[in-house]
Amino acid sequence: MVDDTVLTHSIHGDKYFQPVVLKASVGITLTSLNDSLLFDDTTQDVLCLIGPPDSTISKERDQMGIHKIGKDDVSAQRSNHDYFWNYFDMGIDLLFDGENHTIKKIIIHSNFLGHHEVNRYSKCNFKFENLDIDHKSTLQDVKNVMGAPLGPPVIFNLDESPFGCSSFHGYKGILFEVLKNGHIASVSLWKTN
């Protein structure tokens, strides 16, 4: 009989603040494991690499519509809802396609003070491949490197948050959630054509 604690530890190791390299439209590289999570990887691929999630949440609708492929997209009509796997210790969420069970979106959390989910996630020690943007960057740093976002920001106002609202700034395959003080709260990545 295998001890689950030993097995999980051998898969995960010490997950806190491990370096993660973000690759737009491709996925992420977990440098301490010398391996990657790529868009279209299956749940089995993820389980083999980083183990089971801390939490699973069903996603019943895409409020911002950023995952629609085209106007003929039938994702809203299907009964198999997309779902998130949350890895709180790693500061990572994975959104899986409900039909194919493959990675559709990756969310990286900076656990920056002032975010409504502060201390729910550990800080992810991320940096972008070939871009001077990391977990300490601000929106101004992003604009200096990537130019202006694709459109005006979307404001997210959570009434119960004492920290105020955050804003979302979009680039091709990348969405930055930014706090009022200009720091990055989270980064969402998805595959683009």
N, C-alpha and C. Protein backbone atom coordinates (compact mmCIF):
# COMPACT_ATOMS: atom_id res chain seq x y z
N MET A 1 0.84 -1.18 0.00
CA MET A 1 0.00 0.00 0.00
C MET A 1 0.89 1.24 0.00
N VAL A 2 0.56 2.22 -0.85
CA VAL A 2 1.35 3.45 -0.98
C VAL A 2 0.77 4.51 -0.05
N ASP A 3 1.63 5.19 0.69
CA ASP A 3 1.21 6.28 1.55
C ASP A 3 0.97 7.52 0.68
N ASP A 4 -0.30 8.02 0.64
CA ASP A 4 -0.65 9.17 -0.20
C ASP A 4 0.17 10.40 0.12
N THR A 5 0.50 10.61 1.38
CA THR A 5 1.27 11.79 1.76
C THR A 5 2.65 11.77 1.10
N VAL A 6 3.30 10.62 1.12
CA VAL A 6 4.62 10.49 0.51
C VAL A 6 4.52 10.67 -0.99
N LEU A 7 3.50 10.08 -1.62
CA LEU A 7 3.33 10.19 -3.06
C LEU A 7 3.09 11.64 -3.47
N THR A 8 2.19 12.33 -2.77
CA THR A 8 1.91 13.72 -3.09
C THR A 8 3.16 14.58 -2.91
N HIS A 9 3.91 14.33 -1.84
CA HIS A 9 5.10 15.13 -1.61
C HIS A 9 6.14 14.89 -2.70
N SER A 10 6.26 13.64 -3.15
CA SER A 10 7.25 13.37 -4.18
C SER A 10 6.86 14.00 -5.51
N ILE A 11 5.56 14.13 -5.80
CA ILE A 11 5.11 14.77 -7.03
C ILE A 11 5.29 16.28 -6.91
N HIS A 12 4.78 16.86 -5.83
CA HIS A 12 4.77 18.31 -5.67
C HIS A 12 6.08 18.87 -5.16
N GLY A 13 6.72 18.18 -4.24
CA GLY A 13 7.88 18.77 -3.58
C GLY A 13 7.44 20.00 -2.81
N ASP A 14 8.34 20.94 -2.59
CA ASP A 14 7.99 22.19 -1.95
C ASP A 14 7.50 23.14 -3.03
N LYS A 15 6.19 23.38 -3.05
CA LYS A 15 5.58 24.13 -4.15
C LYS A 15 5.66 25.64 -3.99
N TYR A 16 5.90 26.13 -2.78
CA TYR A 16 5.84 27.56 -2.55
C TYR A 16 6.91 28.32 -3.31
N PHE A 17 6.51 29.30 -4.06
CA PHE A 17 7.36 30.27 -4.76
C PHE A 17 8.35 29.64 -5.73
N GLN A 18 7.94 28.53 -6.33
CA GLN A 18 8.77 27.91 -7.35
C GLN A 18 8.72 28.75 -8.62
N PRO A 19 9.81 28.94 -9.33
CA PRO A 19 9.81 29.75 -10.56
C PRO A 19 8.91 29.14 -11.63
N VAL A 20 8.09 30.00 -12.25
CA VAL A 20 7.18 29.60 -13.33
C VAL A 20 7.40 30.57 -14.49
N VAL A 21 7.61 30.02 -15.68
CA VAL A 21 7.80 30.83 -16.88
C VAL A 21 6.52 30.79 -17.69
N LEU A 22 5.96 31.98 -17.99
CA LEU A 22 4.72 32.09 -18.76
C LEU A 22 5.05 32.24 -20.24
N LYS A 23 4.35 31.47 -21.06
CA LYS A 23 4.53 31.52 -22.51
C LYS A 23 3.16 31.77 -23.14
N ALA A 24 2.94 32.99 -23.63
CA ALA A 24 1.65 33.36 -24.20
C ALA A 24 1.24 32.38 -25.30
N SER A 25 -0.02 31.96 -25.26
CA SER A 25 -0.63 31.04 -26.24
C SER A 25 -0.02 29.64 -26.24
N VAL A 26 0.88 29.35 -25.30
CA VAL A 26 1.54 28.04 -25.25
C VAL A 26 1.24 27.34 -23.93
N GLY A 27 1.51 28.01 -22.79
CA GLY A 27 1.32 27.42 -21.48
C GLY A 27 2.35 27.96 -20.50
N ILE A 28 2.74 27.15 -19.52
CA ILE A 28 3.70 27.58 -18.51
C ILE A 28 4.75 26.47 -18.31
N THR A 29 5.94 26.90 -17.92
CA THR A 29 7.00 25.96 -17.57
C THR A 29 7.24 26.05 -16.08
N LEU A 30 7.20 24.91 -15.42
CA LEU A 30 7.49 24.81 -13.99
C LEU A 30 8.97 24.44 -13.91
N THR A 31 9.80 25.44 -13.71
CA THR A 31 11.25 25.23 -13.84
C THR A 31 11.80 24.24 -12.82
N SER A 32 11.24 24.20 -11.62
CA SER A 32 11.75 23.26 -10.62
C SER A 32 11.47 21.82 -11.01
N LEU A 33 10.44 21.59 -11.82
CA LEU A 33 10.12 20.24 -12.29
C LEU A 33 10.69 19.97 -13.67
N ASN A 34 11.25 21.02 -14.29
CA ASN A 34 11.80 20.91 -15.64
C ASN A 34 10.77 20.33 -16.61
N ASP A 35 9.51 20.82 -16.46
CA ASP A 35 8.42 20.33 -17.31
C ASP A 35 7.40 21.45 -17.48
N SER A 36 6.46 21.24 -18.40
CA SER A 36 5.50 22.29 -18.74
C SER A 36 4.07 21.81 -18.67
N LEU A 37 3.17 22.75 -18.43
CA LEU A 37 1.74 22.56 -18.60
C LEU A 37 1.37 23.36 -19.84
N LEU A 38 0.86 22.68 -20.85
CA LEU A 38 0.57 23.32 -22.12
C LEU A 38 -0.93 23.32 -22.37
N PHE A 39 -1.39 24.30 -23.15
CA PHE A 39 -2.79 24.30 -23.53
C PHE A 39 -3.07 23.02 -24.29
N ASP A 40 -4.20 22.44 -24.04
CA ASP A 40 -4.64 21.16 -24.59
C ASP A 40 -4.05 19.95 -23.87
N ASP A 41 -3.22 20.14 -22.82
CA ASP A 41 -2.84 19.02 -21.97
C ASP A 41 -4.09 18.49 -21.28
N THR A 42 -4.13 17.20 -21.02
CA THR A 42 -5.30 16.58 -20.40
C THR A 42 -5.21 16.63 -18.87
N THR A 43 -6.32 16.30 -18.24
CA THR A 43 -6.33 16.22 -16.77
C THR A 43 -5.32 15.18 -16.30
N GLN A 44 -5.18 14.09 -17.05
CA GLN A 44 -4.20 13.05 -16.69
C GLN A 44 -2.78 13.59 -16.74
N ASP A 45 -2.49 14.42 -17.76
CA ASP A 45 -1.16 15.04 -17.85
C ASP A 45 -0.88 15.87 -16.61
N VAL A 46 -1.88 16.65 -16.20
CA VAL A 46 -1.73 17.53 -15.03
C VAL A 46 -1.55 16.71 -13.76
N LEU A 47 -2.37 15.69 -13.59
CA LEU A 47 -2.26 14.84 -12.40
C LEU A 47 -0.88 14.20 -12.29
N CYS A 48 -0.35 13.76 -13.41
CA CYS A 48 0.98 13.14 -13.41
C CYS A 48 2.08 14.15 -13.06
N LEU A 49 1.91 15.40 -13.49
CA LEU A 49 2.96 16.40 -13.28
C LEU A 49 2.88 17.05 -11.90
N ILE A 50 1.70 17.53 -11.49
CA ILE A 50 1.61 18.29 -10.23
C ILE A 50 0.62 17.71 -9.23
N GLY A 51 -0.03 16.62 -9.55
CA GLY A 51 -0.92 15.96 -8.61
C GLY A 51 -2.32 16.55 -8.60
N PRO A 52 -3.14 16.07 -7.65
CA PRO A 52 -4.54 16.51 -7.61
C PRO A 52 -4.65 17.97 -7.14
N PRO A 53 -5.73 18.64 -7.55
CA PRO A 53 -5.91 20.04 -7.15
C PRO A 53 -6.34 20.15 -5.69
N ASP A 54 -6.17 21.35 -5.14
CA ASP A 54 -6.65 21.62 -3.78
C ASP A 54 -8.16 21.79 -3.77
N SER A 55 -8.72 22.24 -4.91
CA SER A 55 -10.15 22.50 -5.02
C SER A 55 -10.56 22.40 -6.48
N THR A 56 -11.82 22.05 -6.72
CA THR A 56 -12.39 22.02 -8.06
C THR A 56 -13.67 22.84 -8.05
N ILE A 57 -13.83 23.70 -9.07
CA ILE A 57 -15.01 24.56 -9.16
C ILE A 57 -15.57 24.45 -10.57
N SER A 58 -16.87 24.17 -10.67
CA SER A 58 -17.53 24.12 -11.96
C SER A 58 -17.81 25.53 -12.46
N LYS A 59 -17.58 25.75 -13.74
CA LYS A 59 -17.80 27.06 -14.35
C LYS A 59 -18.98 26.92 -15.31
N GLU A 60 -20.08 27.58 -15.01
CA GLU A 60 -21.28 27.37 -15.79
C GLU A 60 -21.45 28.35 -16.93
N ARG A 61 -20.68 29.45 -16.94
CA ARG A 61 -20.78 30.38 -18.06
C ARG A 61 -19.50 31.20 -18.16
N ASP A 62 -19.27 31.72 -19.35
CA ASP A 62 -18.09 32.55 -19.63
C ASP A 62 -18.57 33.99 -19.68
N GLN A 63 -18.49 34.69 -18.55
CA GLN A 63 -19.05 36.03 -18.45
C GLN A 63 -18.40 37.03 -19.40
N MET A 64 -17.12 36.88 -19.66
CA MET A 64 -16.44 37.84 -20.52
C MET A 64 -16.34 37.37 -21.96
N GLY A 65 -16.67 36.11 -22.24
CA GLY A 65 -16.67 35.60 -23.60
C GLY A 65 -15.30 35.52 -24.25
N ILE A 66 -14.23 35.45 -23.46
CA ILE A 66 -12.89 35.48 -24.05
C ILE A 66 -12.48 34.13 -24.63
N HIS A 67 -13.26 33.07 -24.36
CA HIS A 67 -12.88 31.75 -24.85
C HIS A 67 -13.69 31.33 -26.07
N LYS A 68 -14.53 32.19 -26.57
CA LYS A 68 -15.31 31.83 -27.75
C LYS A 68 -14.41 31.77 -28.97
N ILE A 69 -14.61 30.76 -29.76
CA ILE A 69 -13.79 30.56 -30.94
C ILE A 69 -14.32 31.41 -32.10
N GLY A 70 -15.61 31.50 -32.21
CA GLY A 70 -16.24 32.28 -33.28
C GLY A 70 -17.72 32.37 -33.01
N LYS A 71 -18.47 32.97 -33.94
CA LYS A 71 -19.89 33.13 -33.67
C LYS A 71 -20.65 31.82 -33.73
N ASP A 72 -20.04 30.78 -34.27
CA ASP A 72 -20.68 29.47 -34.31
C ASP A 72 -20.34 28.63 -33.08
N ASP A 73 -19.71 29.24 -32.09
CA ASP A 73 -19.30 28.52 -30.89
C ASP A 73 -20.52 27.94 -30.19
N VAL A 74 -20.45 26.68 -29.83
CA VAL A 74 -21.58 26.01 -29.20
C VAL A 74 -21.31 25.72 -27.73
N SER A 75 -20.27 26.30 -27.16
CA SER A 75 -19.91 25.99 -25.78
C SER A 75 -21.03 26.35 -24.80
N ALA A 76 -21.82 27.39 -25.11
CA ALA A 76 -22.90 27.78 -24.22
C ALA A 76 -24.04 26.77 -24.25
N GLN A 77 -24.12 25.96 -25.32
CA GLN A 77 -25.22 25.02 -25.47
C GLN A 77 -24.91 23.65 -24.88
N ARG A 78 -23.67 23.36 -24.62
CA ARG A 78 -23.32 22.02 -24.16
C ARG A 78 -23.63 21.84 -22.67
N SER A 79 -23.81 20.59 -22.28
CA SER A 79 -24.17 20.31 -20.89
C SER A 79 -22.94 20.07 -20.02
N ASN A 80 -21.81 19.74 -20.61
CA ASN A 80 -20.59 19.52 -19.85
C ASN A 80 -19.91 20.86 -19.60
N HIS A 81 -20.05 21.38 -18.40
CA HIS A 81 -19.50 22.69 -18.08
C HIS A 81 -17.99 22.62 -17.87
N ASP A 82 -17.33 23.70 -18.23
CA ASP A 82 -15.90 23.84 -17.95
C ASP A 82 -15.70 23.86 -16.44
N TYR A 83 -14.49 23.56 -15.99
CA TYR A 83 -14.23 23.52 -14.55
C TYR A 83 -12.80 23.95 -14.28
N PHE A 84 -12.63 24.54 -13.08
CA PHE A 84 -11.32 24.98 -12.61
C PHE A 84 -10.73 23.97 -11.65
N TRP A 85 -9.43 23.77 -11.76
CA TRP A 85 -8.65 23.11 -10.73
C TRP A 85 -7.79 24.20 -10.09
N ASN A 86 -7.92 24.34 -8.77
CA ASN A 86 -7.18 25.36 -8.03
C ASN A 86 -6.01 24.71 -7.28
N TYR A 87 -4.83 25.30 -7.46
CA TYR A 87 -3.61 24.90 -6.76
C TYR A 87 -3.18 26.10 -5.93
N PHE A 88 -3.75 26.22 -4.73
CA PHE A 88 -3.54 27.39 -3.88
C PHE A 88 -2.07 27.58 -3.49
N ASP A 89 -1.37 26.47 -3.17
CA ASP A 89 0.03 26.57 -2.76
C ASP A 89 0.95 27.01 -3.89
N MET A 90 0.52 26.80 -5.12
CA MET A 90 1.33 27.19 -6.27
C MET A 90 0.91 28.54 -6.84
N GLY A 91 -0.26 29.05 -6.41
CA GLY A 91 -0.77 30.30 -6.97
C GLY A 91 -1.25 30.15 -8.40
N ILE A 92 -1.80 28.98 -8.72
CA ILE A 92 -2.19 28.66 -10.09
C ILE A 92 -3.60 28.07 -10.12
N ASP A 93 -4.39 28.50 -11.12
CA ASP A 93 -5.68 27.89 -11.44
C ASP A 93 -5.61 27.40 -12.88
N LEU A 94 -6.24 26.27 -13.15
CA LEU A 94 -6.32 25.73 -14.50
C LEU A 94 -7.79 25.58 -14.87
N LEU A 95 -8.20 26.14 -16.01
CA LEU A 95 -9.55 25.96 -16.51
C LEU A 95 -9.52 24.86 -17.56
N PHE A 96 -10.35 23.85 -17.35
CA PHE A 96 -10.43 22.73 -18.29
C PHE A 96 -11.71 22.81 -19.11
N ASP A 97 -11.59 22.41 -20.36
CA ASP A 97 -12.74 22.28 -21.24
C ASP A 97 -13.60 21.13 -20.72
N GLY A 98 -14.90 21.36 -20.56
CA GLY A 98 -15.79 20.36 -19.99
C GLY A 98 -16.03 19.14 -20.84
N GLU A 99 -15.78 19.24 -22.14
CA GLU A 99 -15.98 18.08 -23.01
C GLU A 99 -14.68 17.31 -23.25
N ASN A 100 -13.61 18.03 -23.56
CA ASN A 100 -12.34 17.38 -23.90
C ASN A 100 -11.45 17.14 -22.69
N HIS A 101 -11.73 17.83 -21.57
CA HIS A 101 -10.93 17.72 -20.35
C HIS A 101 -9.47 18.07 -20.61
N THR A 102 -9.29 19.17 -21.34
CA THR A 102 -7.97 19.69 -21.65
C THR A 102 -7.85 21.13 -21.14
N ILE A 103 -6.62 21.57 -20.87
CA ILE A 103 -6.40 22.93 -20.36
C ILE A 103 -6.82 23.95 -21.40
N LYS A 104 -7.66 24.88 -20.95
CA LYS A 104 -8.20 25.93 -21.80
C LYS A 104 -7.66 27.30 -21.41
N LYS A 105 -7.41 27.48 -20.11
CA LYS A 105 -6.91 28.75 -19.59
C LYS A 105 -6.08 28.48 -18.34
N ILE A 106 -5.06 29.31 -18.12
CA ILE A 106 -4.21 29.22 -16.93
C ILE A 106 -4.24 30.59 -16.26
N ILE A 107 -4.51 30.60 -14.95
CA ILE A 107 -4.51 31.85 -14.18
C ILE A 107 -3.40 31.78 -13.15
N ILE A 108 -2.59 32.83 -13.11
CA ILE A 108 -1.46 32.94 -12.20
C ILE A 108 -1.78 34.06 -11.20
N HIS A 109 -1.58 33.80 -9.91
CA HIS A 109 -1.90 34.77 -8.86
C HIS A 109 -0.64 35.33 -8.23
N SER A 110 -0.61 36.66 -8.04
CA SER A 110 0.56 37.27 -7.42
C SER A 110 0.40 37.45 -5.91
N ASN A 111 -0.82 37.22 -5.39
CA ASN A 111 -1.10 37.35 -3.95
C ASN A 111 -0.65 38.71 -3.43
N PHE A 112 -0.92 39.73 -4.19
CA PHE A 112 -0.47 41.07 -3.82
C PHE A 112 -1.43 41.68 -2.79
N LEU A 113 -0.89 42.31 -1.77
CA LEU A 113 -1.69 42.95 -0.74
C LEU A 113 -2.61 43.99 -1.37
N GLY A 114 -3.88 43.91 -1.06
CA GLY A 114 -4.87 44.81 -1.64
C GLY A 114 -5.83 44.09 -2.57
N HIS A 115 -5.56 42.82 -2.84
CA HIS A 115 -6.46 42.03 -3.68
C HIS A 115 -7.47 41.33 -2.79
N HIS A 116 -8.70 41.16 -3.30
CA HIS A 116 -9.74 40.55 -2.47
C HIS A 116 -9.46 39.09 -2.13
N GLU A 117 -8.56 38.42 -2.88
CA GLU A 117 -8.21 37.04 -2.57
C GLU A 117 -6.83 36.92 -1.93
N VAL A 118 -6.33 38.00 -1.33
CA VAL A 118 -5.01 37.97 -0.72
C VAL A 118 -4.97 36.86 0.34
N ASN A 119 -3.91 36.11 0.34
CA ASN A 119 -3.65 34.99 1.25
C ASN A 119 -4.50 33.76 0.99
N ARG A 120 -5.39 33.81 -0.01
CA ARG A 120 -6.05 32.57 -0.42
C ARG A 120 -5.08 31.73 -1.25
N TYR A 121 -4.30 32.42 -2.07
CA TYR A 121 -3.30 31.78 -2.91
C TYR A 121 -1.91 32.17 -2.41
N SER A 122 -0.96 31.29 -2.60
CA SER A 122 0.43 31.67 -2.40
C SER A 122 0.86 32.48 -3.62
N LYS A 123 1.86 33.32 -3.43
CA LYS A 123 2.39 34.11 -4.54
C LYS A 123 3.07 33.18 -5.53
N CYS A 124 2.73 33.37 -6.80
CA CYS A 124 3.39 32.61 -7.86
C CYS A 124 4.58 33.42 -8.35
N ASN A 125 5.74 32.83 -8.33
CA ASN A 125 6.99 33.47 -8.75
C ASN A 125 7.10 33.37 -10.27
N PHE A 126 6.28 34.17 -10.97
CA PHE A 126 6.24 34.06 -12.42
C PHE A 126 7.04 35.13 -13.13
N LYS A 127 7.43 34.78 -14.34
CA LYS A 127 8.01 35.75 -15.26
C LYS A 127 7.65 35.28 -16.67
N PHE A 128 7.52 36.24 -17.58
CA PHE A 128 7.21 35.90 -18.96
C PHE A 128 8.48 35.53 -19.71
N GLU A 129 8.36 34.56 -20.58
CA GLU A 129 9.47 34.19 -21.46
C GLU A 129 9.68 35.33 -22.46
N ASN A 130 10.88 35.79 -22.58
CA ASN A 130 11.29 36.82 -23.55
C ASN A 130 10.64 38.19 -23.32
N LEU A 131 10.06 38.43 -22.17
CA LEU A 131 9.50 39.74 -21.83
C LEU A 131 9.95 40.12 -20.42
N ASP A 132 10.21 41.37 -20.20
CA ASP A 132 10.65 41.84 -18.88
C ASP A 132 9.43 42.15 -18.01
N ILE A 133 8.62 41.10 -17.74
CA ILE A 133 7.43 41.22 -16.90
C ILE A 133 7.44 40.04 -15.94
N ASP A 134 7.29 40.34 -14.63
CA ASP A 134 7.26 39.29 -13.63
C ASP A 134 6.26 39.63 -12.53
N HIS A 135 6.29 38.86 -11.42
CA HIS A 135 5.33 39.01 -10.33
C HIS A 135 5.45 40.36 -9.61
N LYS A 136 6.52 41.10 -9.82
CA LYS A 136 6.71 42.41 -9.17
C LYS A 136 6.32 43.56 -10.10
N SER A 137 5.95 43.27 -11.34
CA SER A 137 5.69 44.31 -12.34
C SER A 137 4.39 45.06 -12.07
N THR A 138 4.31 46.25 -12.63
CA THR A 138 3.11 47.07 -12.56
C THR A 138 2.50 47.16 -13.96
N LEU A 139 1.31 47.74 -14.04
CA LEU A 139 0.68 47.94 -15.35
C LEU A 139 1.56 48.82 -16.23
N GLN A 140 2.21 49.81 -15.65
CA GLN A 140 3.08 50.67 -16.44
C GLN A 140 4.25 49.87 -17.03
N ASP A 141 4.79 48.93 -16.25
CA ASP A 141 5.85 48.06 -16.77
C ASP A 141 5.34 47.25 -17.96
N VAL A 142 4.12 46.72 -17.84
CA VAL A 142 3.52 45.94 -18.92
C VAL A 142 3.37 46.80 -20.17
N LYS A 143 2.85 48.01 -20.00
CA LYS A 143 2.66 48.92 -21.14
C LYS A 143 3.99 49.30 -21.78
N ASN A 144 5.02 49.48 -20.97
CA ASN A 144 6.35 49.81 -21.50
C ASN A 144 6.90 48.69 -22.37
N VAL A 145 6.58 47.45 -22.02
CA VAL A 145 7.09 46.29 -22.75
C VAL A 145 6.17 45.89 -23.90
N MET A 146 4.85 45.90 -23.66
CA MET A 146 3.90 45.34 -24.64
C MET A 146 3.10 46.39 -25.40
N GLY A 147 3.22 47.65 -25.01
CA GLY A 147 2.42 48.68 -25.65
C GLY A 147 1.05 48.80 -25.00
N ALA A 148 0.17 49.51 -25.65
CA ALA A 148 -1.17 49.74 -25.11
C ALA A 148 -2.00 48.46 -25.19
N PRO A 149 -2.91 48.24 -24.22
CA PRO A 149 -3.82 47.10 -24.28
C PRO A 149 -4.72 47.19 -25.52
N LEU A 150 -5.40 46.08 -25.83
CA LEU A 150 -6.24 46.01 -27.01
C LEU A 150 -7.48 46.90 -26.95
N GLY A 151 -7.89 47.29 -25.78
CA GLY A 151 -9.06 48.14 -25.62
C GLY A 151 -9.09 48.73 -24.24
N PRO A 152 -10.19 49.40 -23.89
CA PRO A 152 -10.28 49.98 -22.55
C PRO A 152 -10.37 48.88 -21.48
N PRO A 153 -9.95 49.18 -20.26
CA PRO A 153 -10.01 48.16 -19.21
C PRO A 153 -11.45 47.84 -18.82
N VAL A 154 -11.63 46.61 -18.34
CA VAL A 154 -12.90 46.19 -17.76
C VAL A 154 -12.73 46.32 -16.26
N ILE A 155 -13.65 47.03 -15.61
CA ILE A 155 -13.56 47.26 -14.16
C ILE A 155 -14.33 46.17 -13.42
N PHE A 156 -13.68 45.59 -12.41
CA PHE A 156 -14.30 44.57 -11.56
C PHE A 156 -14.45 45.17 -10.17
N ASN A 157 -15.69 45.36 -9.75
CA ASN A 157 -15.96 45.97 -8.45
C ASN A 157 -16.67 44.95 -7.58
N LEU A 158 -15.98 44.45 -6.59
CA LEU A 158 -16.53 43.50 -5.65
C LEU A 158 -16.97 44.28 -4.42
N ASP A 159 -18.27 44.39 -4.22
CA ASP A 159 -18.82 45.25 -3.17
C ASP A 159 -18.26 44.98 -1.78
N GLU A 160 -18.02 43.69 -1.47
CA GLU A 160 -17.56 43.37 -0.12
C GLU A 160 -16.06 43.54 0.07
N SER A 161 -15.34 43.95 -0.95
CA SER A 161 -13.89 44.11 -0.82
C SER A 161 -13.55 45.49 -0.25
N PRO A 162 -12.80 45.51 0.86
CA PRO A 162 -12.39 46.80 1.43
C PRO A 162 -11.29 47.48 0.61
N PHE A 163 -10.73 46.76 -0.37
CA PHE A 163 -9.61 47.26 -1.14
C PHE A 163 -10.02 48.00 -2.41
N GLY A 164 -11.30 47.97 -2.72
CA GLY A 164 -11.75 48.64 -3.92
C GLY A 164 -11.72 47.73 -5.14
N CYS A 165 -11.90 48.33 -6.28
CA CYS A 165 -12.02 47.57 -7.52
C CYS A 165 -10.66 47.26 -8.14
N SER A 166 -10.68 46.32 -9.06
CA SER A 166 -9.51 46.03 -9.88
C SER A 166 -9.94 46.19 -11.34
N SER A 167 -8.98 46.23 -12.23
CA SER A 167 -9.29 46.39 -13.65
C SER A 167 -8.56 45.32 -14.45
N PHE A 168 -9.15 44.95 -15.59
CA PHE A 168 -8.58 43.93 -16.46
C PHE A 168 -8.13 44.58 -17.75
N HIS A 169 -6.90 44.30 -18.14
CA HIS A 169 -6.29 44.88 -19.33
C HIS A 169 -5.87 43.74 -20.25
N GLY A 170 -6.42 43.74 -21.47
CA GLY A 170 -6.23 42.62 -22.37
C GLY A 170 -5.23 42.83 -23.48
N TYR A 171 -4.49 41.78 -23.75
CA TYR A 171 -3.58 41.66 -24.87
C TYR A 171 -3.90 40.33 -25.54
N LYS A 172 -3.35 40.06 -26.68
CA LYS A 172 -3.65 38.82 -27.38
C LYS A 172 -3.23 37.61 -26.53
N GLY A 173 -4.23 36.85 -26.06
CA GLY A 173 -3.97 35.66 -25.27
C GLY A 173 -3.55 35.90 -23.84
N ILE A 174 -3.59 37.17 -23.39
CA ILE A 174 -3.15 37.51 -22.02
C ILE A 174 -4.11 38.54 -21.43
N LEU A 175 -4.49 38.34 -20.18
CA LEU A 175 -5.33 39.30 -19.47
C LEU A 175 -4.67 39.59 -18.12
N PHE A 176 -4.37 40.86 -17.87
CA PHE A 176 -3.77 41.27 -16.60
C PHE A 176 -4.85 41.86 -15.71
N GLU A 177 -4.98 41.32 -14.50
CA GLU A 177 -5.83 41.96 -13.49
C GLU A 177 -4.92 42.88 -12.70
N VAL A 178 -5.32 44.15 -12.60
CA VAL A 178 -4.46 45.17 -11.99
C VAL A 178 -5.21 45.84 -10.83
N LEU A 179 -4.51 46.01 -9.72
CA LEU A 179 -5.07 46.67 -8.55
C LEU A 179 -5.04 48.19 -8.71
N LYS A 180 -5.73 48.88 -7.83
CA LYS A 180 -5.77 50.35 -7.89
C LYS A 180 -4.39 50.98 -7.79
N ASN A 181 -3.45 50.29 -7.12
CA ASN A 181 -2.10 50.82 -6.97
C ASN A 181 -1.20 50.50 -8.18
N GLY A 182 -1.78 49.86 -9.21
CA GLY A 182 -1.04 49.58 -10.43
C GLY A 182 -0.34 48.23 -10.48
N HIS A 183 -0.31 47.48 -9.38
CA HIS A 183 0.37 46.19 -9.35
C HIS A 183 -0.51 45.09 -9.95
N ILE A 184 0.12 44.08 -10.51
CA ILE A 184 -0.58 42.95 -11.12
C ILE A 184 -1.08 42.01 -10.03
N ALA A 185 -2.39 41.74 -10.04
CA ALA A 185 -2.99 40.81 -9.09
C ALA A 185 -3.02 39.39 -9.65
N SER A 186 -3.29 39.29 -10.96
CA SER A 186 -3.31 37.98 -11.61
C SER A 186 -3.06 38.14 -13.10
N VAL A 187 -2.66 37.03 -13.71
CA VAL A 187 -2.45 36.98 -15.15
C VAL A 187 -3.20 35.75 -15.66
N SER A 188 -4.04 35.95 -16.67
CA SER A 188 -4.74 34.84 -17.32
C SER A 188 -4.13 34.65 -18.71
N LEU A 189 -3.90 33.39 -19.05
CA LEU A 189 -3.35 33.03 -20.35
C LEU A 189 -4.30 32.04 -21.03
N TRP A 190 -4.46 32.15 -22.34
CA TRP A 190 -5.22 31.18 -23.09
C TRP A 190 -4.64 31.10 -24.49
N LYS A 191 -5.00 30.03 -25.17
CA LYS A 191 -4.48 29.76 -26.50
C LYS A 191 -5.20 30.62 -27.52
N THR A 192 -4.45 31.23 -28.43
CA THR A 192 -5.03 32.02 -29.51
C THR A 192 -4.66 31.37 -30.83
N ASN A 193 -5.42 31.68 -31.83
CA ASN A 193 -5.14 31.12 -33.17
C ASN A 193 -4.07 31.92 -33.86
